[in-house]
Amino acid sequence: MKERMHKRKRARLEVAGWATGSAREFLALSAEEAAYVEMKVLLGATLRAVRAVQKLSQAKVAQRLGSSQSRVAKMEAADRSVSLDLLVRSLFRLGAQPRDIARALRPARKLAPH
C-alpha cells in the first residue's frame, strides 16, 4: 500500500515516542492480503468517483443497483463485507468500462520482481 505519511511528520512522531508503520505492518498482512485490500479500496474510490461525476446520491445509486444507501456507503468505504465481485458489477451497472476499472487498478509504481 502507498506510504502516505511525510518523512518530517514521521520523524516528529518518532521523536515524541510514537511508533510508526504501515497498515500492512500493523495488521500483519501478507503481500497478497495487502494487495487485495488495496484493490478493494481503489474500486470503492472509483465507485465514489463515478457517482460524483454522474452527480448521484448514494440513495440514487442504491436504487439503480437494487440495493440500499447503507450498502453503497459500505461499498465506497471498501467494507470487509463487500466483495470485489459486487464492486466490479456495480461499476459496470453505472456505465464503467473494463478499461476504466483497469485504469483504476493500475499500479502507481513499478512492481518488484518476484
PDB file of N, CA and C in Angstrom:
ATOM      1  N   MET A   1       0.835  -1.177   0.000  1.00  0.00           N
ATOM      2  CA  MET A   1       0.000   0.000   0.000  1.00  0.00           C
ATOM      3  C   MET A   1       0.882   1.244   0.000  1.00  0.00           C
ATOM      4  N   LYS A   2       0.331   2.306  -0.473  1.00  0.00           N
ATOM      5  CA  LYS A   2       1.100   3.534  -0.554  1.00  0.00           C
ATOM      6  C   LYS A   2       1.432   4.056   0.838  1.00  0.00           C
ATOM      7  N   GLU A   3       2.632   4.590   0.948  1.00  0.00           N
ATOM      8  CA  GLU A   3       3.043   5.241   2.187  1.00  0.00           C
ATOM      9  C   GLU A   3       2.554   6.672   2.129  1.00  0.00           C
ATOM     10  N   ARG A   4       1.726   7.089   3.066  1.00  0.00           N
ATOM     11  CA  ARG A   4       1.091   8.399   2.969  1.00  0.00           C
ATOM     12  C   ARG A   4       1.651   9.435   3.938  1.00  0.00           C
ATOM     13  N   MET A   5       2.428   9.018   4.908  1.00  0.00           N
ATOM     14  CA  MET A   5       2.913   9.963   5.899  1.00  0.00           C
ATOM     15  C   MET A   5       4.225  10.586   5.420  1.00  0.00           C
ATOM     16  N   HIS A   6       4.305  11.902   5.479  1.00  0.00           N
ATOM     17  CA  HIS A   6       5.507  12.605   5.079  1.00  0.00           C
ATOM     18  C   HIS A   6       6.654  12.275   6.037  1.00  0.00           C
ATOM     19  N   LYS A   7       7.871  12.307   5.520  1.00  0.00           N
ATOM     20  CA  LYS A   7       9.052  11.948   6.313  1.00  0.00           C
ATOM     21  C   LYS A   7       9.216  12.847   7.540  1.00  0.00           C
ATOM     22  N   ARG A   8       8.978  14.152   7.369  1.00  0.00           N
ATOM     23  CA  ARG A   8       9.132  15.067   8.513  1.00  0.00           C
ATOM     24  C   ARG A   8       8.119  14.762   9.607  1.00  0.00           C
ATOM     25  N   LYS A   9       6.896  14.491   9.216  1.00  0.00           N
ATOM     26  CA  LYS A   9       5.861  14.178  10.199  1.00  0.00           C
ATOM     27  C   LYS A   9       6.201  12.878  10.921  1.00  0.00           C
ATOM     28  N   ARG A  10       6.661  11.884  10.176  1.00  0.00           N
ATOM     29  CA  ARG A  10       7.058  10.610  10.769  1.00  0.00           C
ATOM     30  C   ARG A  10       8.189  10.824  11.784  1.00  0.00           C
ATOM     31  N   ALA A  11       9.171  11.616  11.392  1.00  0.00           N
ATOM     32  CA  ALA A  11      10.307  11.879  12.283  1.00  0.00           C
ATOM     33  C   ALA A  11       9.846  12.572  13.568  1.00  0.00           C
ATOM     34  N   ARG A  12       8.947  13.569  13.449  1.00  0.00           N
ATOM     35  CA  ARG A  12       8.435  14.267  14.641  1.00  0.00           C
ATOM     36  C   ARG A  12       7.706  13.299  15.566  1.00  0.00           C
ATOM     37  N   LEU A  13       6.897  12.417  14.990  1.00  0.00           N
ATOM     38  CA  LEU A  13       6.163  11.453  15.807  1.00  0.00           C
ATOM     39  C   LEU A  13       7.111  10.492  16.515  1.00  0.00           C
ATOM     40  N   GLU A  14       8.118  10.033  15.791  1.00  0.00           N
ATOM     41  CA  GLU A  14       9.066   9.091  16.398  1.00  0.00           C
ATOM     42  C   GLU A  14       9.875   9.752  17.505  1.00  0.00           C
ATOM     43  N   VAL A  15      10.269  11.019  17.323  1.00  0.00           N
ATOM     44  CA  VAL A  15      10.988  11.755  18.358  1.00  0.00           C
ATOM     45  C   VAL A  15      10.114  11.892  19.601  1.00  0.00           C
ATOM     46  N   ALA A  16       8.810  12.045  19.394  1.00  0.00           N
ATOM     47  CA  ALA A  16       7.866  12.190  20.505  1.00  0.00           C
ATOM     48  C   ALA A  16       7.531  10.853  21.160  1.00  0.00           C
ATOM     49  N   GLY A  17       8.117   9.776  20.642  1.00  0.00           N
ATOM     50  CA  GLY A  17       7.904   8.479  21.271  1.00  0.00           C
ATOM     51  C   GLY A  17       6.851   7.599  20.628  1.00  0.00           C
ATOM     52  N   TRP A  18       6.280   8.044  19.534  1.00  0.00           N
ATOM     53  CA  TRP A  18       5.258   7.255  18.848  1.00  0.00           C
ATOM     54  C   TRP A  18       5.909   6.240  17.917  1.00  0.00           C
ATOM     55  N   ALA A  19       5.280   5.106  17.784  1.00  0.00           N
ATOM     56  CA  ALA A  19       5.712   4.115  16.803  1.00  0.00           C
ATOM     57  C   ALA A  19       4.971   4.395  15.505  1.00  0.00           C
ATOM     58  N   THR A  20       5.647   4.273  14.396  1.00  0.00           N
ATOM     59  CA  THR A  20       5.006   4.483  13.101  1.00  0.00           C
ATOM     60  C   THR A  20       5.169   3.234  12.251  1.00  0.00           C
ATOM     61  N   GLY A  21       4.290   3.098  11.306  1.00  0.00           N
ATOM     62  CA  GLY A  21       4.354   1.966  10.390  1.00  0.00           C
ATOM     63  C   GLY A  21       3.164   1.989   9.458  1.00  0.00           C
ATOM     64  N   SER A  22       3.110   1.003   8.613  1.00  0.00           N
ATOM     65  CA  SER A  22       2.022   0.939   7.647  1.00  0.00           C
ATOM     66  C   SER A  22       0.862   0.118   8.202  1.00  0.00           C
ATOM     67  N   ALA A  23      -0.280   0.261   7.556  1.00  0.00           N
ATOM     68  CA  ALA A  23      -1.437  -0.557   7.931  1.00  0.00           C
ATOM     69  C   ALA A  23      -1.104  -2.030   7.736  1.00  0.00           C
ATOM     70  N   ARG A  24      -0.349  -2.319   6.690  1.00  0.00           N
ATOM     71  CA  ARG A  24       0.056  -3.711   6.435  1.00  0.00           C
ATOM     72  C   ARG A  24       0.850  -4.272   7.610  1.00  0.00           C
ATOM     73  N   GLU A  25       1.790  -3.491   8.123  1.00  0.00           N
ATOM     74  CA  GLU A  25       2.586  -3.938   9.267  1.00  0.00           C
ATOM     75  C   GLU A  25       1.720  -4.085  10.510  1.00  0.00           C
ATOM     76  N   PHE A  26       0.883  -3.082  10.765  1.00  0.00           N
ATOM     77  CA  PHE A  26       0.046  -3.094  11.956  1.00  0.00           C
ATOM     78  C   PHE A  26      -0.895  -4.289  11.969  1.00  0.00           C
ATOM     79  N   LEU A  27      -1.470  -4.605  10.812  1.00  0.00           N
ATOM     80  CA  LEU A  27      -2.422  -5.706  10.717  1.00  0.00           C
ATOM     81  C   LEU A  27      -1.766  -7.037  10.390  1.00  0.00           C
ATOM     82  N   ALA A  28      -0.457  -7.026  10.219  1.00  0.00           N
ATOM     83  CA  ALA A  28       0.307  -8.236   9.884  1.00  0.00           C
ATOM     84  C   ALA A  28      -0.261  -8.914   8.641  1.00  0.00           C
ATOM     85  N   LEU A  29      -0.461  -8.124   7.599  1.00  0.00           N
ATOM     86  CA  LEU A  29      -0.996  -8.648   6.354  1.00  0.00           C
ATOM     87  C   LEU A  29       0.128  -9.172   5.470  1.00  0.00           C
ATOM     88  N   SER A  30      -0.137 -10.251   4.775  1.00  0.00           N
ATOM     89  CA  SER A  30       0.813 -10.733   3.778  1.00  0.00           C
ATOM     90  C   SER A  30       0.754  -9.773   2.587  1.00  0.00           C
ATOM     91  N   ALA A  31       1.703  -9.905   1.683  1.00  0.00           N
ATOM     92  CA  ALA A  31       1.703  -9.060   0.482  1.00  0.00           C
ATOM     93  C   ALA A  31       0.418  -9.269  -0.310  1.00  0.00           C
ATOM     94  N   GLU A  32      -0.042 -10.514  -0.372  1.00  0.00           N
ATOM     95  CA  GLU A  32      -1.263 -10.821  -1.115  1.00  0.00           C
ATOM     96  C   GLU A  32      -2.485 -10.198  -0.452  1.00  0.00           C
ATOM     97  N   GLU A  33      -2.562 -10.277   0.868  1.00  0.00           N
ATOM     98  CA  GLU A  33      -3.691  -9.685   1.593  1.00  0.00           C
ATOM     99  C   GLU A  33      -3.692  -8.170   1.436  1.00  0.00           C
ATOM    100  N   ALA A  34      -2.509  -7.565   1.503  1.00  0.00           N
ATOM    101  CA  ALA A  34      -2.404  -6.109   1.344  1.00  0.00           C
ATOM    102  C   ALA A  34      -2.826  -5.699  -0.061  1.00  0.00           C
ATOM    103  N   ALA A  35      -2.457  -6.471  -1.070  1.00  0.00           N
ATOM    104  CA  ALA A  35      -2.847  -6.166  -2.447  1.00  0.00           C
ATOM    105  C   ALA A  35      -4.359  -6.269  -2.606  1.00  0.00           C
ATOM    106  N   TYR A  36      -4.972  -7.264  -1.974  1.00  0.00           N
ATOM    107  CA  TYR A  36      -6.418  -7.449  -2.033  1.00  0.00           C
ATOM    108  C   TYR A  36      -7.136  -6.254  -1.400  1.00  0.00           C
ATOM    109  N   VAL A  37      -6.666  -5.840  -0.240  1.00  0.00           N
ATOM    110  CA  VAL A  37      -7.272  -4.693   0.451  1.00  0.00           C
ATOM    111  C   VAL A  37      -7.108  -3.434  -0.398  1.00  0.00           C
ATOM    112  N   GLU A  38      -5.925  -3.243  -0.958  1.00  0.00           N
ATOM    113  CA  GLU A  38      -5.687  -2.062  -1.785  1.00  0.00           C
ATOM    114  C   GLU A  38      -6.609  -2.060  -3.003  1.00  0.00           C
ATOM    115  N   MET A  39      -6.823  -3.238  -3.601  1.00  0.00           N
ATOM    116  CA  MET A  39      -7.708  -3.333  -4.754  1.00  0.00           C
ATOM    117  C   MET A  39      -9.136  -2.941  -4.373  1.00  0.00           C
ATOM    118  N   LYS A  40      -9.604  -3.410  -3.223  1.00  0.00           N
ATOM    119  CA  LYS A  40     -10.951  -3.052  -2.778  1.00  0.00           C
ATOM    120  C   LYS A  40     -11.058  -1.549  -2.526  1.00  0.00           C
ATOM    121  N   VAL A  41     -10.053  -0.980  -1.923  1.00  0.00           N
ATOM    122  CA  VAL A  41     -10.060   0.466  -1.642  1.00  0.00           C
ATOM    123  C   VAL A  41     -10.097   1.257  -2.944  1.00  0.00           C
ATOM    124  N   LEU A  42      -9.296   0.849  -3.921  1.00  0.00           N
ATOM    125  CA  LEU A  42      -9.269   1.540  -5.206  1.00  0.00           C
ATOM    126  C   LEU A  42     -10.607   1.428  -5.933  1.00  0.00           C
ATOM    127  N   LEU A  43     -11.222   0.254  -5.899  1.00  0.00           N
ATOM    128  CA  LEU A  43     -12.516   0.083  -6.555  1.00  0.00           C
ATOM    129  C   LEU A  43     -13.612   0.874  -5.834  1.00  0.00           C
ATOM    130  N   GLY A  44     -13.554   0.916  -4.508  1.00  0.00           N
ATOM    131  CA  GLY A  44     -14.516   1.718  -3.748  1.00  0.00           C
ATOM    132  C   GLY A  44     -14.381   3.199  -4.077  1.00  0.00           C
ATOM    133  N   ALA A  45     -13.141   3.663  -4.185  1.00  0.00           N
ATOM    134  CA  ALA A  45     -12.902   5.068  -4.540  1.00  0.00           C
ATOM    135  C   ALA A  45     -13.366   5.346  -5.964  1.00  0.00           C
ATOM    136  N   THR A  46     -13.198   4.374  -6.837  1.00  0.00           N
ATOM    137  CA  THR A  46     -13.655   4.529  -8.218  1.00  0.00           C
ATOM    138  C   THR A  46     -15.174   4.622  -8.265  1.00  0.00           C
ATOM    139  N   LEU A  47     -15.845   3.798  -7.479  1.00  0.00           N
ATOM    140  CA  LEU A  47     -17.303   3.862  -7.412  1.00  0.00           C
ATOM    141  C   LEU A  47     -17.749   5.244  -6.927  1.00  0.00           C
ATOM    142  N   ARG A  48     -17.080   5.748  -5.909  1.00  0.00           N
ATOM    143  CA  ARG A  48     -17.402   7.082  -5.378  1.00  0.00           C
ATOM    144  C   ARG A  48     -17.176   8.154  -6.454  1.00  0.00           C
ATOM    145  N   ALA A  49     -16.075   8.023  -7.209  1.00  0.00           N
ATOM    146  CA  ALA A  49     -15.757   8.996  -8.259  1.00  0.00           C
ATOM    147  C   ALA A  49     -16.787   8.943  -9.388  1.00  0.00           C
ATOM    148  N   VAL A  50     -17.180   7.743  -9.787  1.00  0.00           N
ATOM    149  CA  VAL A  50     -18.198   7.605 -10.834  1.00  0.00           C
ATOM    150  C   VAL A  50     -19.504   8.232 -10.367  1.00  0.00           C
ATOM    151  N   ARG A  51     -19.857   7.983  -9.126  1.00  0.00           N
ATOM    152  CA  ARG A  51     -21.088   8.557  -8.566  1.00  0.00           C
ATOM    153  C   ARG A  51     -21.014  10.083  -8.580  1.00  0.00           C
ATOM    154  N   ALA A  52     -19.865  10.624  -8.211  1.00  0.00           N
ATOM    155  CA  ALA A  52     -19.704  12.083  -8.163  1.00  0.00           C
ATOM    156  C   ALA A  52     -19.782  12.690  -9.564  1.00  0.00           C
ATOM    157  N   VAL A  53     -19.139  12.057 -10.532  1.00  0.00           N
ATOM    158  CA  VAL A  53     -19.167  12.563 -11.902  1.00  0.00           C
ATOM    159  C   VAL A  53     -20.602  12.574 -12.433  1.00  0.00           C
ATOM    160  N   GLN A  54     -21.357  11.552 -12.078  1.00  0.00           N
ATOM    161  CA  GLN A  54     -22.743  11.470 -12.531  1.00  0.00           C
ATOM    162  C   GLN A  54     -23.700  12.282 -11.654  1.00  0.00           C
ATOM    163  N   LYS A  55     -23.137  12.928 -10.620  1.00  0.00           N
ATOM    164  CA  LYS A  55     -23.923  13.767  -9.703  1.00  0.00           C
ATOM    165  C   LYS A  55     -25.092  12.992  -9.089  1.00  0.00           C
ATOM    166  N   LEU A  56     -24.774  11.797  -8.605  1.00  0.00           N
ATOM    167  CA  LEU A  56     -25.784  10.932  -7.998  1.00  0.00           C
ATOM    168  C   LEU A  56     -25.565  10.839  -6.496  1.00  0.00           C
ATOM    169  N   SER A  57     -26.634  10.749  -5.762  1.00  0.00           N
ATOM    170  CA  SER A  57     -26.532  10.483  -4.328  1.00  0.00           C
ATOM    171  C   SER A  57     -26.316   8.990  -4.130  1.00  0.00           C
ATOM    172  N   GLN A  58     -25.883   8.619  -2.942  1.00  0.00           N
ATOM    173  CA  GLN A  58     -25.760   7.195  -2.631  1.00  0.00           C
ATOM    174  C   GLN A  58     -27.118   6.510  -2.742  1.00  0.00           C
ATOM    175  N   ALA A  59     -28.172   7.207  -2.358  1.00  0.00           N
ATOM    176  CA  ALA A  59     -29.518   6.637  -2.438  1.00  0.00           C
ATOM    177  C   ALA A  59     -29.911   6.363  -3.888  1.00  0.00           C
ATOM    178  N   LYS A  60     -29.570   7.278  -4.790  1.00  0.00           N
ATOM    179  CA  LYS A  60     -29.894   7.093  -6.204  1.00  0.00           C
ATOM    180  C   LYS A  60     -29.096   5.928  -6.790  1.00  0.00           C
ATOM    181  N   VAL A  61     -27.829   5.823  -6.422  1.00  0.00           N
ATOM    182  CA  VAL A  61     -27.012   4.690  -6.879  1.00  0.00           C
ATOM    183  C   VAL A  61     -27.613   3.395  -6.350  1.00  0.00           C
ATOM    184  N   ALA A  62     -27.998   3.397  -5.091  1.00  0.00           N
ATOM    185  CA  ALA A  62     -28.602   2.201  -4.496  1.00  0.00           C
ATOM    186  C   ALA A  62     -29.843   1.788  -5.277  1.00  0.00           C
ATOM    187  N   GLN A  63     -30.647   2.752  -5.642  1.00  0.00           N
ATOM    188  CA  GLN A  63     -31.857   2.479  -6.411  1.00  0.00           C
ATOM    189  C   GLN A  63     -31.496   1.820  -7.745  1.00  0.00           C
ATOM    190  N   ARG A  64     -30.481   2.348  -8.411  1.00  0.00           N
ATOM    191  CA  ARG A  64     -30.047   1.774  -9.693  1.00  0.00           C
ATOM    192  C   ARG A  64     -29.497   0.361  -9.536  1.00  0.00           C
ATOM    193  N   LEU A  65     -28.874   0.096  -8.383  1.00  0.00           N
ATOM    194  CA  LEU A  65     -28.264  -1.209  -8.153  1.00  0.00           C
ATOM    195  C   LEU A  65     -29.233  -2.204  -7.514  1.00  0.00           C
ATOM    196  N   GLY A  66     -30.400  -1.723  -7.108  1.00  0.00           N
ATOM    197  CA  GLY A  66     -31.331  -2.591  -6.395  1.00  0.00           C
ATOM    198  C   GLY A  66     -30.816  -2.938  -5.019  1.00  0.00           C
ATOM    199  N   SER A  67     -30.225  -1.945  -4.369  1.00  0.00           N
ATOM    200  CA  SER A  67     -29.597  -2.137  -3.066  1.00  0.00           C
ATOM    201  C   SER A  67     -30.065  -1.038  -2.120  1.00  0.00           C
ATOM    202  N   SER A  68     -29.311  -0.831  -1.052  1.00  0.00           N
ATOM    203  CA  SER A  68     -29.645   0.213  -0.082  1.00  0.00           C
ATOM    204  C   SER A  68     -28.536   1.255  -0.036  1.00  0.00           C
ATOM    205  N   GLN A  69     -28.889   2.443   0.455  1.00  0.00           N
ATOM    206  CA  GLN A  69     -27.900   3.511   0.587  1.00  0.00           C
ATOM    207  C   GLN A  69     -26.768   3.085   1.504  1.00  0.00           C
ATOM    208  N   SER A  70     -27.086   2.391   2.587  1.00  0.00           N
ATOM    209  CA  SER A  70     -26.028   1.980   3.521  1.00  0.00           C
ATOM    210  C   SER A  70     -25.071   0.982   2.865  1.00  0.00           C
ATOM    211  N   ARG A  71     -25.593   0.160   1.972  1.00  0.00           N
ATOM    212  CA  ARG A  71     -24.736  -0.791   1.263  1.00  0.00           C
ATOM    213  C   ARG A  71     -23.801  -0.056   0.310  1.00  0.00           C
ATOM    214  N   VAL A  72     -24.302   0.964  -0.354  1.00  0.00           N
ATOM    215  CA  VAL A  72     -23.457   1.765  -1.244  1.00  0.00           C
ATOM    216  C   VAL A  72     -22.356   2.446  -0.425  1.00  0.00           C
ATOM    217  N   ALA A  73     -22.702   2.963   0.748  1.00  0.00           N
ATOM    218  CA  ALA A  73     -21.695   3.581   1.618  1.00  0.00           C
ATOM    219  C   ALA A  73     -20.622   2.564   1.990  1.00  0.00           C
ATOM    220  N   LYS A  74     -21.026   1.341   2.293  1.00  0.00           N
ATOM    221  CA  LYS A  74     -20.057   0.283   2.616  1.00  0.00           C
ATOM    222  C   LYS A  74     -19.200  -0.050   1.404  1.00  0.00           C
ATOM    223  N   MET A  75     -19.788  -0.046   0.230  1.00  0.00           N
ATOM    224  CA  MET A  75     -19.021  -0.315  -0.982  1.00  0.00           C
ATOM    225  C   MET A  75     -17.964   0.761  -1.191  1.00  0.00           C
ATOM    226  N   GLU A  76     -18.351   2.003  -1.051  1.00  0.00           N
ATOM    227  CA  GLU A  76     -17.406   3.107  -1.235  1.00  0.00           C
ATOM    228  C   GLU A  76     -16.297   3.085  -0.186  1.00  0.00           C
ATOM    229  N   ALA A  77     -16.592   2.578   0.995  1.00  0.00           N
ATOM    230  CA  ALA A  77     -15.609   2.505   2.077  1.00  0.00           C
ATOM    231  C   ALA A  77     -14.811   1.204   2.044  1.00  0.00           C
ATOM    232  N   ALA A  78     -15.082   0.352   1.046  1.00  0.00           N
ATOM    233  CA  ALA A  78     -14.386  -0.935   0.915  1.00  0.00           C
ATOM    234  C   ALA A  78     -14.542  -1.782   2.179  1.00  0.00           C
ATOM    235  N   ASP A  79     -15.736  -1.765   2.735  1.00  0.00           N
ATOM    236  CA  ASP A  79     -16.036  -2.552   3.925  1.00  0.00           C
ATOM    237  C   ASP A  79     -15.704  -4.025   3.679  1.00  0.00           C
ATOM    238  N   ARG A  80     -15.300  -4.709   4.719  1.00  0.00           N
ATOM    239  CA  ARG A  80     -14.909  -6.116   4.580  1.00  0.00           C
ATOM    240  C   ARG A  80     -16.062  -6.996   4.118  1.00  0.00           C
ATOM    241  N   SER A  81     -17.295  -6.570   4.299  1.00  0.00           N
ATOM    242  CA  SER A  81     -18.445  -7.357   3.874  1.00  0.00           C
ATOM    243  C   SER A  81     -18.736  -7.228   2.375  1.00  0.00           C
ATOM    244  N   VAL A  82     -18.036  -6.339   1.709  1.00  0.00           N
ATOM    245  CA  VAL A  82     -18.250  -6.082   0.282  1.00  0.00           C
ATOM    246  C   VAL A  82     -17.238  -6.894  -0.526  1.00  0.00           C
ATOM    247  N   SER A  83     -17.729  -7.611  -1.518  1.00  0.00           N
ATOM    248  CA  SER A  83     -16.841  -8.426  -2.359  1.00  0.00           C
ATOM    249  C   SER A  83     -16.329  -7.620  -3.549  1.00  0.00           C
ATOM    250  N   LEU A  84     -15.219  -8.068  -4.096  1.00  0.00           N
ATOM    251  CA  LEU A  84     -14.702  -7.458  -5.319  1.00  0.00           C
ATOM    252  C   LEU A  84     -15.721  -7.603  -6.441  1.00  0.00           C
ATOM    253  N   ASP A  85     -16.375  -8.754  -6.480  1.00  0.00           N
ATOM    254  CA  ASP A  85     -17.386  -9.015  -7.498  1.00  0.00           C
ATOM    255  C   ASP A  85     -18.488  -7.956  -7.444  1.00  0.00           C
ATOM    256  N   LEU A  86     -18.975  -7.646  -6.271  1.00  0.00           N
ATOM    257  CA  LEU A  86     -20.032  -6.649  -6.116  1.00  0.00           C
ATOM    258  C   LEU A  86     -19.553  -5.275  -6.576  1.00  0.00           C
ATOM    259  N   LEU A  87     -18.342  -4.915  -6.219  1.00  0.00           N
ATOM    260  CA  LEU A  87     -17.802  -3.618  -6.625  1.00  0.00           C
ATOM    261  C   LEU A  87     -17.705  -3.521  -8.147  1.00  0.00           C
ATOM    262  N   VAL A  88     -17.162  -4.551  -8.773  1.00  0.00           N
ATOM    263  CA  VAL A  88     -16.978  -4.536 -10.224  1.00  0.00           C
ATOM    264  C   VAL A  88     -18.332  -4.536 -10.930  1.00  0.00           C
ATOM    265  N   ARG A  89     -19.255  -5.392 -10.519  1.00  0.00           N
ATOM    266  CA  ARG A  89     -20.580  -5.427 -11.149  1.00  0.00           C
ATOM    267  C   ARG A  89     -21.298  -4.082 -10.995  1.00  0.00           C
ATOM    268  N   SER A  90     -21.142  -3.449  -9.838  1.00  0.00           N
ATOM    269  CA  SER A  90     -21.782  -2.149  -9.605  1.00  0.00           C
ATOM    270  C   SER A  90     -21.185  -1.077 -10.514  1.00  0.00           C
ATOM    271  N   LEU A  91     -19.883  -1.103 -10.678  1.00  0.00           N
ATOM    272  CA  LEU A  91     -19.248  -0.138 -11.586  1.00  0.00           C
ATOM    273  C   LEU A  91     -19.755  -0.330 -13.011  1.00  0.00           C
ATOM    274  N   PHE A  92     -19.867  -1.572 -13.443  1.00  0.00           N
ATOM    275  CA  PHE A  92     -20.391  -1.835 -14.785  1.00  0.00           C
ATOM    276  C   PHE A  92     -21.830  -1.330 -14.914  1.00  0.00           C
ATOM    277  N   ARG A  93     -22.631  -1.560 -13.888  1.00  0.00           N
ATOM    278  CA  ARG A  93     -24.030  -1.124 -13.931  1.00  0.00           C
ATOM    279  C   ARG A  93     -24.127   0.394 -14.034  1.00  0.00           C
ATOM    280  N   LEU A  94     -23.135   1.102 -13.488  1.00  0.00           N
ATOM    281  CA  LEU A  94     -23.133   2.564 -13.555  1.00  0.00           C
ATOM    282  C   LEU A  94     -22.461   3.080 -14.822  1.00  0.00           C
ATOM    283  N   GLY A  95     -22.092   2.160 -15.715  1.00  0.00           N
ATOM    284  CA  GLY A  95     -21.566   2.577 -17.009  1.00  0.00           C
ATOM    285  C   GLY A  95     -20.064   2.503 -17.177  1.00  0.00           C
ATOM    286  N   ALA A  96     -19.351   2.055 -16.161  1.00  0.00           N
ATOM    287  CA  ALA A  96     -17.899   1.928 -16.295  1.00  0.00           C
ATOM    288  C   ALA A  96     -17.580   0.839 -17.316  1.00  0.00           C
ATOM    289  N   GLN A  97     -16.482   1.022 -18.002  1.00  0.00           N
ATOM    290  CA  GLN A  97     -15.989   0.047 -18.973  1.00  0.00           C
ATOM    291  C   GLN A  97     -14.802  -0.696 -18.365  1.00  0.00           C
ATOM    292  N   PRO A  98     -14.480  -1.874 -18.893  1.00  0.00           N
ATOM    293  CA  PRO A  98     -13.319  -2.608 -18.366  1.00  0.00           C
ATOM    294  C   PRO A  98     -12.053  -1.761 -18.317  1.00  0.00           C
ATOM    295  N   ARG A  99     -11.847  -0.902 -19.311  1.00  0.00           N
ATOM    296  CA  ARG A  99     -10.638  -0.061 -19.317  1.00  0.00           C
ATOM    297  C   ARG A  99     -10.646   0.927 -18.146  1.00  0.00           C
ATOM    298  N   ASP A 100     -11.840   1.377 -17.727  1.00  0.00           N
ATOM    299  CA  ASP A 100     -11.938   2.286 -16.579  1.00  0.00           C
ATOM    300  C   ASP A 100     -11.493   1.584 -15.303  1.00  0.00           C
ATOM    301  N   ILE A 101     -11.901   0.344 -15.163  1.00  0.00           N
ATOM    302  CA  ILE A 101     -11.532  -0.428 -13.976  1.00  0.00           C
ATOM    303  C   ILE A 101     -10.041  -0.745 -14.007  1.00  0.00           C
ATOM    304  N   ALA A 102      -9.538  -1.113 -15.182  1.00  0.00           N
ATOM    305  CA  ALA A 102      -8.101  -1.384 -15.307  1.00  0.00           C
ATOM    306  C   ALA A 102      -7.287  -0.144 -14.964  1.00  0.00           C
ATOM    307  N   ARG A 103      -7.746   1.014 -15.415  1.00  0.00           N
ATOM    308  CA  ARG A 103      -7.049   2.277 -15.134  1.00  0.00           C
ATOM    309  C   ARG A 103      -7.039   2.554 -13.625  1.00  0.00           C
ATOM    310  N   ALA A 104      -8.145   2.262 -12.965  1.00  0.00           N
ATOM    311  CA  ALA A 104      -8.244   2.497 -11.522  1.00  0.00           C
ATOM    312  C   ALA A 104      -7.286   1.602 -10.750  1.00  0.00           C
ATOM    313  N   LEU A 105      -7.024   0.425 -11.283  1.00  0.00           N
ATOM    314  CA  LEU A 105      -6.171  -0.541 -10.584  1.00  0.00           C
ATOM    315  C   LEU A 105      -4.715  -0.475 -11.010  1.00  0.00           C
ATOM    316  N   ARG A 106      -4.406   0.374 -11.980  1.00  0.00           N
ATOM    317  CA  ARG A 106      -3.028   0.467 -12.468  1.00  0.00           C
ATOM    318  C   ARG A 106      -2.102   0.862 -11.324  1.00  0.00           C
ATOM    319  N   PRO A 107      -1.028   0.107 -11.154  1.00  0.00           N
ATOM    320  CA  PRO A 107      -0.107   0.446 -10.055  1.00  0.00           C
ATOM    321  C   PRO A 107       0.559   1.801 -10.279  1.00  0.00           C
ATOM    322  N   ALA A 108       0.709   2.523  -9.208  1.00  0.00           N
ATOM    323  CA  ALA A 108       1.339   3.840  -9.267  1.00  0.00           C
ATOM    324  C   ALA A 108       2.854   3.714  -9.314  1.00  0.00           C
ATOM    325  N   ARG A 109       3.360   2.544  -9.051  1.00  0.00           N
ATOM    326  CA  ARG A 109       4.807   2.311  -9.055  1.00  0.00           C
ATOM    327  C   ARG A 109       5.094   0.998  -9.761  1.00  0.00           C
ATOM    328  N   LYS A 110       6.341   0.795 -10.123  1.00  0.00           N
ATOM    329  CA  LYS A 110       6.720  -0.442 -10.768  1.00  0.00           C
ATOM    330  C   LYS A 110       6.591  -1.599  -9.784  1.00  0.00           C
ATOM    331  N   LEU A 111       6.172  -2.735 -10.286  1.00  0.00           N
ATOM    332  CA  LEU A 111       6.084  -3.918  -9.448  1.00  0.00           C
ATOM    333  C   LEU A 111       7.475  -4.490  -9.230  1.00  0.00           C
ATOM    334  N   ALA A 112       7.722  -4.944  -8.038  1.00  0.00           N
ATOM    335  CA  ALA A 112       9.004  -5.558  -7.725  1.00  0.00           C
ATOM    336  C   ALA A 112       9.069  -6.935  -8.370  1.00  0.00           C
ATOM    337  N   PRO A 113      10.243  -7.352  -8.831  1.00  0.00           N
ATOM    338  CA  PRO A 113      10.368  -8.692  -9.404  1.00  0.00           C
ATOM    339  C   PRO A 113      10.127  -9.733  -8.329  1.00  0.00           C
ATOM    340  N   HIS A 114       9.597 -10.876  -8.732  1.00  0.00           N
ATOM    341  CA  HIS A 114       9.312 -11.953  -7.784  1.00  0.00           C
ATOM    342  C   HIS A 114      10.519 -12.771  -7.491  1.00  0.00           C
TER     343      HIS A 114
END
